Protein backbone atom coordinates (compact mmCIF):
# COMPACT_ATOMS: atom_id res chain seq x y z
CA UNK A 1 0.00 0.00 0.00
CA UNK A 2 1.31 3.43 -0.91
CA UNK A 3 1.87 5.88 1.92
CA UNK A 4 -0.56 8.77 2.03
CA UNK A 5 0.74 12.09 0.83
CA UNK A 6 1.41 14.60 3.61
CA UNK A 7 1.59 18.37 3.30
CA UNK A 8 3.55 20.71 5.54
CA UNK A 9 3.51 24.50 5.61
CA UNK A 10 6.32 26.30 7.41
CA UNK A 11 5.43 29.86 8.44
CA UNK A 12 7.60 32.72 9.65
CA UNK A 13 7.05 36.45 9.95
CA UNK A 14 9.33 39.45 10.27
CA UNK A 15 8.09 42.57 12.04
CA UNK A 16 9.08 46.15 12.77
CA UNK A 17 7.90 48.86 15.20
CA UNK A 18 5.19 51.26 14.11
CA UNK A 19 6.39 54.88 13.85
CA UNK A 20 6.71 56.42 17.30
CA UNK A 21 4.82 59.52 16.18
CA UNK A 22 1.78 57.39 15.31
CA UNK A 23 1.01 57.15 19.04
CA UNK A 24 -0.47 60.00 21.07
CA UNK A 25 1.15 61.34 24.24
CA UNK A 26 -0.83 59.07 26.56
CA UNK A 27 0.13 56.00 24.54
CA UNK A 28 3.79 57.03 24.44
CA UNK A 29 3.82 57.53 28.21
CA UNK A 30 2.19 54.12 28.67
CA UNK A 31 4.74 52.41 26.44
CA UNK A 32 7.69 54.02 28.23
CA UNK A 33 6.40 53.52 31.78
CA UNK A 34 9.27 52.71 34.18
CA UNK A 35 11.85 53.04 31.38
CA UNK A 36 13.88 55.81 32.98
CA UNK A 37 17.15 56.07 31.06
CA UNK A 38 17.52 56.88 27.34
CA UNK A 39 18.93 53.39 26.82
CA UNK A 40 15.92 51.76 28.48
CA UNK A 41 13.55 53.89 26.44
CA UNK A 42 15.31 53.00 23.19
CA UNK A 43 15.15 49.31 24.05
CA UNK A 44 11.44 49.64 24.84
CA UNK A 45 10.85 51.21 21.43
CA UNK A 46 12.67 48.33 19.70
CA UNK A 47 10.51 45.83 21.59
CA UNK A 48 7.43 47.40 20.04
CA UNK A 49 8.13 45.21 17.00
CA UNK A 50 7.14 42.15 19.05
CA UNK A 51 3.50 43.15 19.63
CA UNK A 52 0.78 43.55 16.98
CA UNK A 53 -0.62 46.77 18.47
CA UNK A 54 2.76 48.50 18.41
CA UNK A 55 4.40 46.75 15.46
CA UNK A 56 3.52 45.74 11.92
CA UNK A 57 4.25 42.83 9.61
CA UNK A 58 7.21 43.38 7.31
CA UNK A 59 6.81 40.04 5.53
CA UNK A 60 5.40 36.54 5.73
CA UNK A 61 7.57 33.62 4.65
CA UNK A 62 5.80 30.47 3.43
CA UNK A 63 7.39 27.13 2.56
CA UNK A 64 5.00 24.41 1.37
CA UNK A 65 6.29 20.87 0.91
CA UNK A 66 4.67 17.54 0.13
CA UNK A 67 5.94 14.15 1.25
CA UNK A 68 4.98 10.75 -0.05
CA UNK A 69 6.91 7.53 0.66
CA UNK A 70 9.79 9.59 2.10
CA UNK A 71 10.05 11.63 -1.10
CA UNK A 72 9.84 15.34 -0.31
CA UNK A 73 8.75 17.79 -3.00
CA UNK A 74 8.90 21.55 -2.63
CA UNK A 75 5.68 23.20 -3.82
CA UNK A 76 5.98 26.84 -2.79
CA UNK A 77 8.72 29.06 -1.40
CA UNK A 78 7.29 32.56 -1.29
CA UNK A 79 7.66 35.76 0.67
CA UNK A 80 4.80 38.25 0.90
CA UNK A 81 6.36 41.67 1.55
CA UNK A 82 4.68 44.77 2.92
CA UNK A 83 6.09 47.51 0.69
CA UNK A 84 4.27 50.31 2.56
CA UNK A 85 2.06 50.96 -0.45
CA UNK A 86 -1.72 50.80 -0.78
CA UNK A 87 -1.43 48.24 -3.57
CA UNK A 88 -4.10 45.56 -3.44
CA UNK A 89 -2.10 43.18 -5.65
CA UNK A 90 1.60 42.74 -6.42
CA UNK A 91 2.78 44.05 -9.78
CA UNK A 92 4.87 40.94 -10.41
CA UNK A 93 6.80 38.13 -8.77
CA UNK A 94 10.49 38.78 -8.19
CA UNK A 95 12.91 35.86 -8.37
CA UNK A 96 15.17 35.40 -5.35
CA UNK A 97 18.59 33.77 -5.26
CA UNK A 98 17.27 30.85 -3.19
CA UNK A 99 14.66 29.91 -5.85
CA UNK A 100 11.96 31.69 -3.88
CA UNK A 101 9.47 34.27 -5.11
CA UNK A 102 8.92 37.73 -3.66
CA UNK A 103 5.59 39.55 -3.90
CA UNK A 104 5.42 43.18 -2.74
CA UNK A 105 2.18 44.99 -1.86
CA UNK A 106 0.24 46.37 1.12
CA UNK A 107 0.23 44.85 4.61
CA UNK A 108 -3.54 44.48 4.63
CA UNK A 109 -3.52 42.71 1.27
CA UNK A 110 -0.73 40.28 2.16
CA UNK A 111 -2.67 39.32 5.29
CA UNK A 112 -5.83 38.82 3.24
CA UNK A 113 -3.96 36.60 0.80
CA UNK A 114 -2.22 34.69 3.60
CA UNK A 115 -5.55 33.69 5.12
CA UNK A 116 -6.95 32.81 1.70
CA UNK A 117 -3.91 30.62 1.02
CA UNK A 118 -4.49 28.63 4.22
CA UNK A 119 -7.94 27.76 2.93
CA UNK A 120 -6.82 27.01 -0.64
CA UNK A 121 -6.82 23.53 -2.14
CA UNK A 122 -3.01 23.53 -2.07
CA UNK A 123 -2.85 24.11 1.65
CA UNK A 124 -6.11 23.04 3.25
CA UNK A 125 -4.77 19.80 4.75
CA UNK A 126 -1.26 21.03 5.50
CA UNK A 127 0.31 20.61 8.93
CA UNK A 128 1.80 23.88 10.15
CA UNK A 129 5.38 24.13 11.37
CA UNK A 130 6.91 27.11 13.18
CA UNK A 131 9.62 28.09 15.60
CA UNK A 132 7.94 30.03 18.43
CA UNK A 133 4.81 30.38 16.32
CA UNK A 134 2.51 29.57 19.21
CA UNK A 135 3.75 32.52 21.27
CA UNK A 136 4.68 34.99 18.53
CA UNK A 137 3.92 34.47 14.83
CA UNK A 138 0.38 33.12 15.16
CA UNK A 139 -1.05 35.57 17.72
CA UNK A 140 0.68 38.43 15.87
CA UNK A 141 -0.89 37.37 12.56
CA UNK A 142 -4.35 37.08 14.08
CA UNK A 143 -4.33 40.31 16.06
CA UNK A 144 -2.64 42.37 13.36
CA UNK A 145 -5.25 41.14 10.89
CA UNK A 146 -8.01 42.29 13.22
CA UNK A 147 -6.38 45.72 13.57
CA UNK A 148 -6.40 46.07 9.77
CA UNK A 149 -9.95 44.81 9.36
CA UNK A 150 -9.06 41.39 7.95
CA UNK A 151 -10.86 38.38 9.43
CA UNK A 152 -8.63 35.30 9.87
CA UNK A 153 -9.88 32.26 7.99
CA UNK A 154 -9.13 30.03 10.97
CA UNK A 155 -8.04 30.12 14.60
CA UNK A 156 -4.33 29.34 14.47
CA UNK A 157 -4.28 29.11 18.28
CA UNK A 158 -6.94 26.43 18.60
CA UNK A 159 -6.19 23.61 20.96
CA UNK A 160 -4.59 23.96 24.38
CA UNK A 161 -1.19 25.04 25.65
CA UNK A 162 0.08 21.47 25.50
CA UNK A 163 -2.02 19.97 22.72
CA UNK A 164 -2.53 21.45 19.24
CA UNK A 165 -2.49 18.74 16.61
CA UNK A 166 -2.65 20.99 13.54
CA UNK A 167 0.69 22.64 14.35
CA UNK A 168 4.19 21.74 15.50
CA UNK A 169 6.00 24.56 17.30
CA UNK A 170 9.60 23.43 17.46
CA UNK A 171 10.40 25.77 20.33
CA UNK A 172 7.87 23.87 22.43
CA UNK A 173 9.15 20.50 21.23
CA UNK A 174 12.84 21.15 21.84
CA UNK A 175 12.10 22.40 25.36
CA UNK A 176 9.55 19.64 26.06
CA UNK A 177 7.02 22.39 26.79
CA UNK A 178 9.12 23.45 29.79
CA UNK A 179 11.35 26.32 28.55
CA UNK A 180 13.91 27.59 31.04
CA UNK A 181 16.75 30.09 30.98
CA UNK A 182 19.22 27.39 32.06
CA UNK A 183 19.30 23.61 32.26
CA UNK A 184 18.29 20.67 30.08
CA UNK A 185 15.22 22.41 28.70
CA UNK A 186 16.91 25.74 28.10
CA UNK A 187 15.24 27.86 25.46
CA UNK A 188 17.69 28.27 22.57
CA UNK A 189 17.09 30.45 19.54
CA UNK A 190 16.80 29.03 16.02
CA UNK A 191 20.35 30.04 15.16
CA UNK A 192 21.81 28.04 18.07
CA UNK A 193 19.60 25.00 17.53
CA UNK A 194 20.29 24.70 13.82
CA UNK A 195 24.04 24.89 14.40
CA UNK A 196 23.80 22.27 17.17
CA UNK A 197 22.17 19.84 14.74
CA UNK A 198 24.45 20.56 11.80
CA UNK A 199 21.96 22.68 9.85
CA UNK A 200 23.02 25.89 8.13
CA UNK A 201 21.82 28.80 10.22
CA UNK A 202 19.56 31.34 8.47
CA UNK A 203 21.73 34.01 10.10
CA UNK A 204 24.92 32.74 8.45
CA UNK A 205 24.69 35.33 5.67
CA UNK A 206 24.80 38.34 7.95
CA UNK A 207 21.12 39.17 8.44
CA UNK A 208 19.14 38.49 11.60
CA UNK A 209 15.92 39.70 13.15
CA UNK A 210 17.59 42.64 14.89
CA UNK A 211 18.56 44.10 11.50
CA UNK A 212 15.18 43.81 9.81
CA UNK A 213 13.85 47.23 10.86
CA UNK A 214 16.96 49.01 9.55
CA UNK A 215 16.94 47.06 6.28
CA UNK A 216 13.26 47.76 5.89
CA UNK A 217 13.85 51.47 6.37
CA UNK A 218 16.33 51.28 3.47
CA UNK A 219 13.79 49.33 1.35
CA UNK A 220 16.15 46.37 1.05
CA UNK A 221 13.25 44.02 0.59
CA UNK A 222 15.15 41.31 -1.27
CA UNK A 223 17.63 40.83 1.58
CA UNK A 224 14.84 40.61 4.13
CA UNK A 225 12.92 38.13 1.98
CA UNK A 226 15.92 35.86 1.47
CA UNK A 227 16.59 35.88 5.21
CA UNK A 228 12.95 35.09 6.01
CA UNK A 229 12.88 32.22 3.52
CA UNK A 230 16.17 30.89 4.88
CA UNK A 231 14.40 30.82 8.25
CA UNK A 232 11.53 28.67 6.99
CA UNK A 233 13.83 26.26 5.18
CA UNK A 234 16.01 25.85 8.28
CA UNK A 235 12.87 25.34 10.37
CA UNK A 236 11.76 22.56 8.00
CA UNK A 237 15.16 20.89 8.27
CA UNK A 238 15.02 21.12 12.06
CA UNK A 239 11.52 19.63 11.99
CA UNK A 240 12.86 16.60 10.14
CA UNK A 241 15.48 16.09 12.85
CA UNK A 242 12.86 16.34 15.59
CA UNK A 243 10.48 14.02 13.73
CA UNK A 244 13.14 11.36 13.20
CA UNK A 245 14.61 11.30 16.69
CA UNK A 246 12.23 12.93 19.17
CA UNK A 247 8.66 12.51 17.94
CA UNK A 248 6.78 9.76 19.75
């Protein structure tokens, strides 16, 4: 009997802080509460990128693969980029050096198309894979969509803290759902974990999440997209390690 075909969708987002001047005085005071020094205030402003009410989506990286009888086939490697325009559709697809495709248009429209893609025939039965998606990417996508008036096509956070069958969050799996700052279940970042398991780190080409906001300000969309897609490919490779040795 032939093995059933499986589909996997790896998802990653990059984000940046909203402009400081977009908040009124009361909001600014709230955001900087108890940040007394200029250094603390600057750090607080950088952290705004991590929350969907104070940050926005720079891009969404998507990597769709199919597997049948241990044969893995790549179906899509795309990056949806917010180019700060009001464009409802991308003008064209740009080819990236990693064989991916880059589509540039408005944040609201890329979110609309992201949710539509999850419900498409290509993706409807796919199992989702992320690194820290349960605590960051998925709630950010859902709340940011609501802010922009886009209704999510599904609840990405369905299930419970310790049981969500539609999704594998590798941060949860590699800490056995008990992340700590030290010890056997220490929470490592994706860069450290990939290197530990002999996988090329997505940060090996000089870009990491801390540089995204600056690159975005310079409109270096291709570099951001290639970094984001390197993230999803590395996450897929790490998933295969976990599945082979640690999935029970």
